[in-house]
C-alpha atoms as a PDB file:
ATOM      1  CA  MET A   1      21.905  16.245 -11.664  1.00  0.00           C
ATOM      2  CA  ASP A   2      19.530  17.937  -9.188  1.00  0.00           C
ATOM      3  CA  ILE A   3      16.771  15.383  -9.153  1.00  0.00           C
ATOM      4  CA  LYS A   4      14.505  17.480  -6.951  1.00  0.00           C
ATOM      5  CA  LYS A   5      14.301  20.232  -9.548  1.00  0.00           C
ATOM      6  CA  GLU A   6      13.504  17.794 -12.315  1.00  0.00           C
ATOM      7  CA  ARG A   7      10.524  16.317 -10.507  1.00  0.00           C
ATOM      8  CA  PRO A   8      10.387  12.584 -11.379  1.00  0.00           C
ATOM      9  CA  THR A   9       6.922  11.287 -11.959  1.00  0.00           C
ATOM     10  CA  ILE A  10       5.998   8.322  -9.644  1.00  0.00           C
ATOM     11  CA  LEU A  11       2.664   6.270  -9.859  1.00  0.00           C
ATOM     12  CA  PHE A  12       1.221   4.557  -6.940  1.00  0.00           C
ATOM     13  CA  CYS A  13      -1.355   1.736  -7.608  1.00  0.00           C
ATOM     14  CA  ASP A  14      -3.778  -0.090  -5.252  1.00  0.00           C
ATOM     15  CA  SER A  15      -7.378  -1.243  -5.459  1.00  0.00           C
ATOM     16  CA  GLY A  16      -8.282   1.245  -2.924  1.00  0.00           C
ATOM     17  CA  MET A  17      -6.796   4.042  -0.833  1.00  0.00           C
ATOM     18  CA  GLY A  18      -4.422   1.928   1.358  1.00  0.00           C
ATOM     19  CA  GLY A  19      -1.604   2.976  -0.786  1.00  0.00           C
ATOM     20  CA  PHE A  20      -1.848   6.395   0.707  1.00  0.00           C
ATOM     21  CA  SER A  21       0.077   5.135   3.666  1.00  0.00           C
ATOM     22  CA  VAL A  22       2.980   4.453   1.276  1.00  0.00           C
ATOM     23  CA  TYR A  23       2.535   7.648  -0.673  1.00  0.00           C
ATOM     24  CA  ARG A  24       2.503   9.639   2.537  1.00  0.00           C
ATOM     25  CA  GLU A  25       5.915   8.359   3.518  1.00  0.00           C
ATOM     26  CA  THR A  26       7.347   8.964   0.053  1.00  0.00           C
ATOM     27  CA  LYS A  27       6.034  12.472  -0.119  1.00  0.00           C
ATOM     28  CA  LYS A  28       7.368  13.229   3.376  1.00  0.00           C
ATOM     29  CA  LEU A  29      10.909  12.151   2.270  1.00  0.00           C
ATOM     30  CA  LEU A  30      10.641  13.533  -1.264  1.00  0.00           C
ATOM     31  CA  PRO A  31       8.189  16.449  -1.092  1.00  0.00           C
ATOM     32  CA  GLY A  32       9.056  18.152  -4.441  1.00  0.00           C
ATOM     33  CA  TRP A  33       8.253  15.181  -6.651  1.00  0.00           C
ATOM     34  CA  HIS A  34       5.317  14.640  -8.955  1.00  0.00           C
ATOM     35  CA  TYR A  35       2.897  12.099  -7.723  1.00  0.00           C
ATOM     36  CA  LEU A  36       0.098  10.181  -9.440  1.00  0.00           C
ATOM     37  CA  TYR A  37      -2.155   7.678  -7.719  1.00  0.00           C
ATOM     38  CA  CYS A  38      -4.577   5.215  -9.177  1.00  0.00           C
ATOM     39  CA  PHE A  39      -7.071   3.330  -7.232  1.00  0.00           C
ATOM     40  CA  ASP A  40      -8.635   0.527  -9.153  1.00  0.00           C
ATOM     41  CA  ASN A  41     -11.981   0.972  -7.285  1.00  0.00           C
ATOM     42  CA  ALA A  42     -13.941  -1.099  -9.938  1.00  0.00           C
ATOM     43  CA  GLY A  43     -11.664  -4.022  -9.001  1.00  0.00           C
ATOM     44  CA  PHE A  44     -11.789  -3.377  -5.221  1.00  0.00           C
ATOM     45  CA  PRO A  45     -10.895  -5.410  -3.054  1.00  0.00           C
ATOM     46  CA  TYR A  46      -7.963  -7.401  -4.747  1.00  0.00           C
ATOM     47  CA  SER A  47      -8.024  -9.778  -1.801  1.00  0.00           C
ATOM     48  CA  GLU A  48     -11.222 -11.261  -3.276  1.00  0.00           C
ATOM     49  CA  ARG A  49      -9.945 -11.456  -6.914  1.00  0.00           C
ATOM     50  CA  GLY A  50      -8.083 -14.090  -8.802  1.00  0.00           C
ATOM     51  CA  GLU A  51      -4.424 -13.633  -9.569  1.00  0.00           C
ATOM     52  CA  GLU A  52      -4.774 -13.301 -13.362  1.00  0.00           C
ATOM     53  CA  SER A  53      -7.397 -10.700 -12.999  1.00  0.00           C
ATOM     54  CA  ILE A  54      -5.206  -8.542 -10.687  1.00  0.00           C
ATOM     55  CA  VAL A  55      -2.293  -8.897 -13.149  1.00  0.00           C
ATOM     56  CA  GLN A  56      -4.353  -7.829 -16.163  1.00  0.00           C
ATOM     57  CA  ARG A  57      -5.945  -4.903 -14.450  1.00  0.00           C
ATOM     58  CA  MET A  58      -2.712  -3.491 -13.107  1.00  0.00           C
ATOM     59  CA  LEU A  59      -0.874  -3.938 -16.415  1.00  0.00           C
ATOM     60  CA  ALA A  60      -3.754  -2.122 -18.277  1.00  0.00           C
ATOM     61  CA  ILE A  61      -3.829   0.702 -15.702  1.00  0.00           C
ATOM     62  CA  CYS A  62       0.010   1.221 -15.794  1.00  0.00           C
ATOM     63  CA  ARG A  63       0.122   1.270 -19.584  1.00  0.00           C
ATOM     64  CA  GLN A  64      -2.730   3.676 -19.795  1.00  0.00           C
ATOM     65  CA  ILE A  65      -1.354   6.264 -17.350  1.00  0.00           C
ATOM     66  CA  ASN A  66       2.172   5.838 -18.707  1.00  0.00           C
ATOM     67  CA  ALA A  67       0.790   6.891 -22.101  1.00  0.00           C
ATOM     68  CA  MET A  68      -0.642   9.997 -20.691  1.00  0.00           C
ATOM     69  CA  HIS A  69       2.168  10.843 -18.157  1.00  0.00           C
ATOM     70  CA  PRO A  70       5.609   9.205 -18.941  1.00  0.00           C
ATOM     71  CA  LEU A  71       6.571   7.599 -15.649  1.00  0.00           C
ATOM     72  CA  ASP A  72       9.920   7.388 -13.949  1.00  0.00           C
ATOM     73  CA  ALA A  73       8.704   4.725 -11.448  1.00  0.00           C
ATOM     74  CA  ILE A  74       5.792   2.529 -10.475  1.00  0.00           C
ATOM     75  CA  VAL A  75       5.067   1.692  -6.802  1.00  0.00           C
ATOM     76  CA  ILE A  76       2.570  -1.284  -6.339  1.00  0.00           C
ATOM     77  CA  ALA A  77       1.349   0.044  -3.079  1.00  0.00           C
ATOM     78  CA  CYS A  78      -0.599  -3.090  -2.278  1.00  0.00           C
ATOM     79  CA  ASN A  79       0.702  -6.278  -0.657  1.00  0.00           C
ATOM     80  CA  THR A  80      -1.902  -8.520  -2.279  1.00  0.00           C
ATOM     81  CA  ALA A  81      -1.045  -7.270  -5.850  1.00  0.00           C
ATOM     82  CA  SER A  82       2.751  -7.173  -5.170  1.00  0.00           C
ATOM     83  CA  THR A  83       2.615 -10.980  -4.634  1.00  0.00           C
ATOM     84  CA  VAL A  84       1.531 -11.516  -8.159  1.00  0.00           C
ATOM     85  CA  VAL A  85       2.124  -8.558 -10.602  1.00  0.00           C
ATOM     86  CA  LEU A  86       5.829  -7.628 -10.179  1.00  0.00           C
ATOM     87  CA  PRO A  87       7.292 -10.080 -12.715  1.00  0.00           C
ATOM     88  CA  VAL A  88       4.751  -9.080 -15.489  1.00  0.00           C
ATOM     89  CA  LEU A  89       5.231  -5.321 -14.888  1.00  0.00           C
ATOM     90  CA  ARG A  90       8.942  -5.576 -15.025  1.00  0.00           C
ATOM     91  CA  GLU A  91       8.774  -7.399 -18.293  1.00  0.00           C
ATOM     92  CA  ASN A  92       6.700  -4.637 -19.852  1.00  0.00           C
ATOM     93  CA  PHE A  93       8.312  -1.563 -18.322  1.00  0.00           C
ATOM     94  CA  SER A  94      12.037  -0.492 -18.349  1.00  0.00           C
ATOM     95  CA  ILE A  95      11.631   1.799 -15.307  1.00  0.00           C
ATOM     96  CA  PRO A  96      11.757   0.775 -11.595  1.00  0.00           C
ATOM     97  CA  VAL A  97       8.730  -1.191 -10.364  1.00  0.00           C
ATOM     98  CA  ILE A  98       8.686  -1.339  -6.632  1.00  0.00           C
ATOM     99  CA  GLY A  99       6.571  -3.723  -4.630  1.00  0.00           C
ATOM    100  CA  THR A 100       5.352  -3.913  -1.111  1.00  0.00           C
ATOM    101  CA  VAL A 101       6.572  -6.768   1.166  1.00  0.00           C
ATOM    102  CA  PRO A 102       5.357  -7.369   4.673  1.00  0.00           C
ATOM    103  CA  ALA A 103       7.979  -6.197   7.183  1.00  0.00           C
ATOM    104  CA  ILE A 104       8.631  -9.684   8.671  1.00  0.00           C
ATOM    105  CA  LYS A 105      12.368  -9.343   8.968  1.00  0.00           C
ATOM    106  CA  PRO A 106      12.278  -6.045  11.061  1.00  0.00           C
ATOM    107  CA  ALA A 107       9.487  -7.396  13.130  1.00  0.00           C
ATOM    108  CA  ALA A 108      11.437 -10.486  13.993  1.00  0.00           C
ATOM    109  CA  GLU A 109      14.479  -8.511  14.937  1.00  0.00           C
ATOM    110  CA  ILE A 110      12.620  -6.048  17.211  1.00  0.00           C
ATOM    111  CA  SER A 111      10.412  -8.437  19.048  1.00  0.00           C
ATOM    112  CA  ASN A 112      11.409  -9.277  22.619  1.00  0.00           C
ATOM    113  CA  THR A 113       8.965 -12.082  23.097  1.00  0.00           C
ATOM    114  CA  LYS A 114       9.389 -13.604  19.759  1.00  0.00           C
ATOM    115  CA  HIS A 115       5.773 -13.835  19.331  1.00  0.00           C
ATOM    116  CA  ILE A 116       4.632 -11.639  16.400  1.00  0.00           C
ATOM    117  CA  GLY A 117       1.546 -11.292  14.308  1.00  0.00           C
ATOM    118  CA  LEU A 118       0.932 -10.711  10.686  1.00  0.00           C
ATOM    119  CA  LEU A 119      -2.190  -8.742  10.020  1.00  0.00           C
ATOM    120  CA  ALA A 120      -2.881  -8.609   6.203  1.00  0.00           C
ATOM    121  CA  THR A 121      -5.565  -9.498   3.646  1.00  0.00           C
ATOM    122  CA  LYS A 122      -6.811 -13.032   3.200  1.00  0.00           C
ATOM    123  CA  GLY A 123      -4.957 -13.140  -0.075  1.00  0.00           C
ATOM    124  CA  THR A 124      -1.570 -12.138   1.365  1.00  0.00           C
ATOM    125  CA  VAL A 125      -1.551 -14.326   4.541  1.00  0.00           C
ATOM    126  CA  LYS A 126      -1.875 -17.486   2.437  1.00  0.00           C
ATOM    127  CA  ARG A 127       0.718 -16.692  -0.248  1.00  0.00           C
ATOM    128  CA  HIS A 128       3.730 -18.992  -0.537  1.00  0.00           C
ATOM    129  CA  TYR A 129       6.107 -16.053  -0.527  1.00  0.00           C
ATOM    130  CA  VAL A 130       4.953 -15.243   3.048  1.00  0.00           C
ATOM    131  CA  ASP A 131       5.925 -18.712   4.109  1.00  0.00           C
ATOM    132  CA  GLU A 132       9.327 -18.141   2.583  1.00  0.00           C
ATOM    133  CA  LEU A 133       9.793 -14.761   4.270  1.00  0.00           C
ATOM    134  CA  ILE A 134       8.926 -16.284   7.687  1.00  0.00           C
ATOM    135  CA  ASN A 135      11.285 -19.260   7.066  1.00  0.00           C
ATOM    136  CA  LYS A 136      14.022 -16.924   6.130  1.00  0.00           C
ATOM    137  CA  PHE A 137      13.682 -14.117   8.649  1.00  0.00           C
ATOM    138  CA  ALA A 138      11.464 -15.281  11.454  1.00  0.00           C
ATOM    139  CA  VAL A 139      12.326 -18.927  12.041  1.00  0.00           C
ATOM    140  CA  ASP A 140      12.909 -18.227  15.734  1.00  0.00           C
ATOM    141  CA  CYS A 141       9.536 -16.575  16.148  1.00  0.00           C
ATOM    142  CA  GLN A 142       6.025 -17.828  16.638  1.00  0.00           C
ATOM    143  CA  VAL A 143       4.111 -15.990  13.822  1.00  0.00           C
ATOM    144  CA  GLU A 144       0.323 -15.536  14.127  1.00  0.00           C
ATOM    145  CA  ARG A 145      -1.579 -14.805  10.804  1.00  0.00           C
ATOM    146  CA  LEU A 146      -4.806 -13.022  10.481  1.00  0.00           C
ATOM    147  CA  GLY A 147      -6.474 -12.211   7.216  1.00  0.00           C
ATOM    148  CA  SER A 148      -9.289  -9.671   7.035  1.00  0.00           C
ATOM    149  CA  THR A 149     -11.209  -7.897   4.314  1.00  0.00           C
ATOM    150  CA  LYS A 150     -13.432  -6.074   6.932  1.00  0.00           C
ATOM    151  CA  LEU A 151     -10.365  -4.002   8.200  1.00  0.00           C
ATOM    152  CA  VAL A 152      -9.686  -2.912   4.614  1.00  0.00           C
ATOM    153  CA  GLU A 153     -13.154  -1.705   4.323  1.00  0.00           C
ATOM    154  CA  ILE A 154     -12.972   0.179   7.692  1.00  0.00           C
ATOM    155  CA  ALA A 155      -9.767   1.965   6.526  1.00  0.00           C
ATOM    156  CA  GLU A 156     -11.425   2.976   3.273  1.00  0.00           C
ATOM    157  CA  GLN A 157     -14.367   4.525   5.258  1.00  0.00           C
ATOM    158  CA  LYS A 158     -12.124   6.301   7.652  1.00  0.00           C
ATOM    159  CA  ILE A 159     -10.220   8.031   4.898  1.00  0.00           C
ATOM    160  CA  ARG A 160     -13.454   9.127   3.425  1.00  0.00           C
ATOM    161  CA  GLY A 161     -14.372  10.863   6.602  1.00  0.00           C
ATOM    162  CA  HIS A 162     -16.545   8.291   8.293  1.00  0.00           C
ATOM    163  CA  SER A 163     -16.041   7.147  11.883  1.00  0.00           C
ATOM    164  CA  VAL A 164     -14.437   3.774  12.727  1.00  0.00           C
ATOM    165  CA  ASP A 165     -16.778   1.165  14.279  1.00  0.00           C
ATOM    166  CA  MET A 166     -14.597   0.017  17.038  1.00  0.00           C
ATOM    167  CA  THR A 167     -16.913  -2.851  17.968  1.00  0.00           C
ATOM    168  CA  VAL A 168     -16.609  -4.396  14.450  1.00  0.00           C
ATOM    169  CA  LEU A 169     -12.838  -3.674  14.473  1.00  0.00           C
ATOM    170  CA  LYS A 170     -12.350  -5.425  17.795  1.00  0.00           C
ATOM    171  CA  ASP A 171     -14.427  -8.340  16.590  1.00  0.00           C
ATOM    172  CA  GLU A 172     -12.159  -8.689  13.682  1.00  0.00           C
ATOM    173  CA  LEU A 173      -9.146  -8.798  15.937  1.00  0.00           C
ATOM    174  CA  LEU A 174     -10.659 -10.980  18.688  1.00  0.00           C
ATOM    175  CA  PRO A 175      -8.493 -13.990  17.954  1.00  0.00           C
ATOM    176  CA  TRP A 176      -5.468 -11.932  19.360  1.00  0.00           C
ATOM    177  CA  VAL A 177      -6.954  -9.945  22.131  1.00  0.00           C
ATOM    178  CA  ASN A 178      -5.837 -12.519  24.751  1.00  0.00           C
ATOM    179  CA  ILE A 179      -2.515 -13.371  23.408  1.00  0.00           C
ATOM    180  CA  MET A 180      -0.708 -11.227  25.956  1.00  0.00           C
ATOM    181  CA  ASP A 181       2.877 -11.806  24.825  1.00  0.00           C
ATOM    182  CA  LEU A 182       2.022 -10.693  21.230  1.00  0.00           C
ATOM    183  CA  ASP A 183       4.404  -7.781  21.249  1.00  0.00           C
ATOM    184  CA  THR A 184       4.956  -6.964  17.622  1.00  0.00           C
ATOM    185  CA  LEU A 185       2.421  -6.536  14.841  1.00  0.00           C
ATOM    186  CA  ILE A 186       3.262  -6.443  11.146  1.00  0.00           C
ATOM    187  CA  LEU A 187       0.703  -4.309   9.240  1.00  0.00           C
ATOM    188  CA  GLY A 188       0.880  -6.468   6.019  1.00  0.00           C
ATOM    189  CA  CYS A 189      -1.735  -4.426   4.163  1.00  0.00           C
ATOM    190  CA  THR A 190      -1.131  -0.870   3.205  1.00  0.00           C
ATOM    191  CA  HIS A 191      -4.684   0.072   4.402  1.00  0.00           C
ATOM    192  CA  PHE A 192      -3.709  -0.877   7.982  1.00  0.00           C
ATOM    193  CA  PRO A 193      -1.354   1.910   8.884  1.00  0.00           C
ATOM    194  CA  LEU A 194      -4.268   4.222   8.319  1.00  0.00           C
ATOM    195  CA  ILE A 195      -6.084   2.685  11.273  1.00  0.00           C
ATOM    196  CA  LYS A 196      -3.036   1.928  13.387  1.00  0.00           C
ATOM    197  CA  ASP A 197      -4.235   3.925  16.407  1.00  0.00           C
ATOM    198  CA  GLU A 198      -7.607   2.023  16.455  1.00  0.00           C
ATOM    199  CA  ILE A 199      -5.810  -1.391  16.163  1.00  0.00           C
ATOM    200  CA  GLN A 200      -3.536  -0.350  18.968  1.00  0.00           C
ATOM    201  CA  PHE A 201      -6.447   0.573  21.176  1.00  0.00           C
ATOM    202  CA  CYS A 202      -7.886  -3.031  20.688  1.00  0.00           C
ATOM    203  CA  LEU A 203      -4.518  -4.675  21.104  1.00  0.00           C
ATOM    204  CA  PRO A 204      -2.841  -2.700  23.870  1.00  0.00           C
ATOM    205  CA  GLN A 205      -0.190  -5.487  24.578  1.00  0.00           C
ATOM    206  CA  VAL A 206       1.484  -4.739  21.159  1.00  0.00           C
ATOM    207  CA  LYS A 207       4.482  -2.564  21.617  1.00  0.00           C
ATOM    208  CA  HIS A 208       5.746  -2.381  17.978  1.00  0.00           C
ATOM    209  CA  PHE A 209       3.891  -1.878  14.868  1.00  0.00           C
ATOM    210  CA  MET A 210       5.827  -2.529  11.637  1.00  0.00           C
ATOM    211  CA  ASP A 211       4.899  -1.408   8.022  1.00  0.00           C
ATOM    212  CA  SER A 212       6.754  -0.946   4.848  1.00  0.00           C
ATOM    213  CA  GLY A 213       5.957   2.683   4.024  1.00  0.00           C
ATOM    214  CA  GLU A 214       9.289   4.263   5.128  1.00  0.00           C
ATOM    215  CA  ALA A 215      11.343   1.559   3.550  1.00  0.00           C
ATOM    216  CA  ILE A 216       9.546   1.904   0.225  1.00  0.00           C
ATOM    217  CA  ALA A 217      10.112   5.678   0.209  1.00  0.00           C
ATOM    218  CA  LYS A 218      13.905   5.117   0.730  1.00  0.00           C
ATOM    219  CA  ARG A 219      13.755   2.551  -1.978  1.00  0.00           C
ATOM    220  CA  VAL A 220      12.216   5.003  -4.404  1.00  0.00           C
ATOM    221  CA  GLN A 221      14.803   7.638  -3.565  1.00  0.00           C
ATOM    222  CA  SER A 222      17.709   5.256  -4.034  1.00  0.00           C
ATOM    223  CA  LEU A 223      16.440   3.898  -7.398  1.00  0.00           C
ATOM    224  CA  LEU A 224      15.818   7.294  -8.962  1.00  0.00           C
ATOM    225  CA  SER A 225      18.859   8.961  -7.723  1.00  0.00           C
ATOM    226  CA  GLU A 226      20.889   8.443 -10.841  1.00  0.00           C
ATOM    227  CA  ILE A 227      18.382   8.107 -13.787  1.00  0.00           C
ATOM    228  CA  GLU A 228      17.327  10.499 -16.501  1.00  0.00           C
ATOM    229  CA  ILE A 229      14.015  12.066 -15.730  1.00  0.00           C
ATOM    230  CA  LYS A 230      11.486  11.566 -18.714  1.00  0.00           C
ATOM    231  CA  SER A 231       9.657  14.861 -18.491  1.00  0.00           C
ATOM    232  CA  LYS A 232      10.612  18.221 -17.004  1.00  0.00           C
ATOM    233  CA  SER A 233       7.453  20.128 -17.645  1.00  0.00           C
ATOM    234  CA  LYS A 234       5.446  21.673 -14.732  1.00  0.00           C
ATOM    235  CA  LYS A 235       3.000  19.164 -13.333  1.00  0.00           C
ATOM    236  CA  TYR A 236       0.485  18.714 -10.552  1.00  0.00           C
ATOM    237  CA  ASN A 237      -0.379  15.708  -8.437  1.00  0.00           C
ATOM    238  CA  GLN A 238      -3.330  13.767  -9.832  1.00  0.00           C
ATOM    239  CA  ILE A 239      -5.671  10.915  -8.893  1.00  0.00           C
ATOM    240  CA  PHE A 240      -7.058   8.260 -11.237  1.00  0.00           C
ATOM    241  CA  CYS A 241      -9.847   5.771 -10.539  1.00  0.00           C
ATOM    242  CA  THR A 242     -11.587   3.065 -12.675  1.00  0.00           C
ATOM    243  CA  GLN A 243     -15.109   4.031 -11.916  1.00  0.00           C
ATOM    244  CA  HIS A 244     -16.997   7.028 -10.502  1.00  0.00           C
ATOM    245  CA  PHE A 245     -17.336   7.360  -6.739  1.00  0.00           C
ATOM    246  CA  ASP A 246     -20.332   7.936  -4.478  1.00  0.00           C
ATOM    247  CA  GLU A 247     -20.038  11.307  -2.650  1.00  0.00           C
ATOM    248  CA  GLU A 248     -17.388  12.428  -5.294  1.00  0.00           C
ATOM    249  CA  LEU A 249     -17.452  16.102  -4.274  1.00  0.00           C
ATOM    250  CA  LYS A 250     -16.691  15.281  -0.764  1.00  0.00           C
ATOM    251  CA  LEU A 251     -13.934  12.892  -1.848  1.00  0.00           C
ATOM    252  CA  LYS A 252     -12.330  15.582  -3.975  1.00  0.00           C
ATOM    253  CA  GLN A 253     -12.130  17.753  -0.845  1.00  0.00           C
ATOM    254  CA  ILE A 254     -10.573  15.000   1.126  1.00  0.00           C
ATOM    255  CA  LEU A 255      -7.987  14.291  -1.657  1.00  0.00           C
ATOM    256  CA  ASN A 256      -7.018  17.879  -1.799  1.00  0.00           C
ATOM    257  CA  LEU A 257      -5.957  17.625   1.840  1.00  0.00           C
ATOM    258  CA  TRP A 258      -3.564  14.769   0.698  1.00  0.00           C
ATOM    259  CA  GLY A 259      -2.082  16.956  -2.022  1.00  0.00           C
ATOM    260  CA  PHE A 260      -3.933  15.910  -5.193  1.00  0.00           C
ATOM    261  CA  GLU A 261      -5.572  18.580  -7.377  1.00  0.00           C
ATOM    262  CA  SER A 262      -7.739  16.523  -9.570  1.00  0.00           C
ATOM    263  CA  ILE A 263      -9.462  13.149 -10.057  1.00  0.00           C
ATOM    264  CA  ASP A 264     -10.053  11.529 -13.390  1.00  0.00           C
ATOM    265  CA  VAL A 265     -11.705   8.201 -14.354  1.00  0.00           C
ATOM    266  CA  ILE A 266      -9.911   5.815 -16.633  1.00  0.00           C
ATOM    267  CA  LYS A 267     -11.622   2.893 -18.401  1.00  0.00           C
ATOM    268  CA  ILE A 268      -9.977  -0.578 -18.449  1.00  0.00           C
ATOM    269  CA  ASN A 269     -11.413  -3.752 -20.032  1.00  0.00           C
END
């Protein structure tokens, strides 16, 4: 089977545009595939929502899009959502459902000082599964944790064409500015690779930035290498959202640069 010619359909989900950092790596590795992306902008940001709300919203979104476009895989391109929705989605779908996990293991392996930072959302940094990852893979490291919703909002604004307020960004990172042996930083929110250069400017002591985008792309490739593709018709890459955006015309132009041809609103209860 030549999987590239048969164009598998992959859905990426996030509350915002952070999942673009994962989509970007997947499209780079697998440029000929069919990509759908849904940002649940009516539920943004997930870090401020309860777990059951996130689960129900994600389940409704995936069911509705799958009914319109039979999916070959679902990527939950959001660390916060991945901590709670994967078991439910895997119970309801027979296709691969891939989550996003903070890159704690490779960060611990690459750090020279064994002093590393986990930069994520407020929801992710307090999850029990993060404790388990640290205890399993970074027991020999001192791990700093910093949760921020403001950085998510900054990344959202950047991708929409607005400038980054470096003063606000540096204020968010202030607890780490003077930790001079902090040599490795885990970007534990999919939004944060989109502002990696700005983060690095504020934390020049950090030598290594780790995120999960490339690993997820390879995981998608591996899982779909031997399955039967559901639909072989000609398709175009498409965006879905859960409510209309301000500046929608400008946003459409930006999304075209990312390889998407249309944006449609879907309604969920």
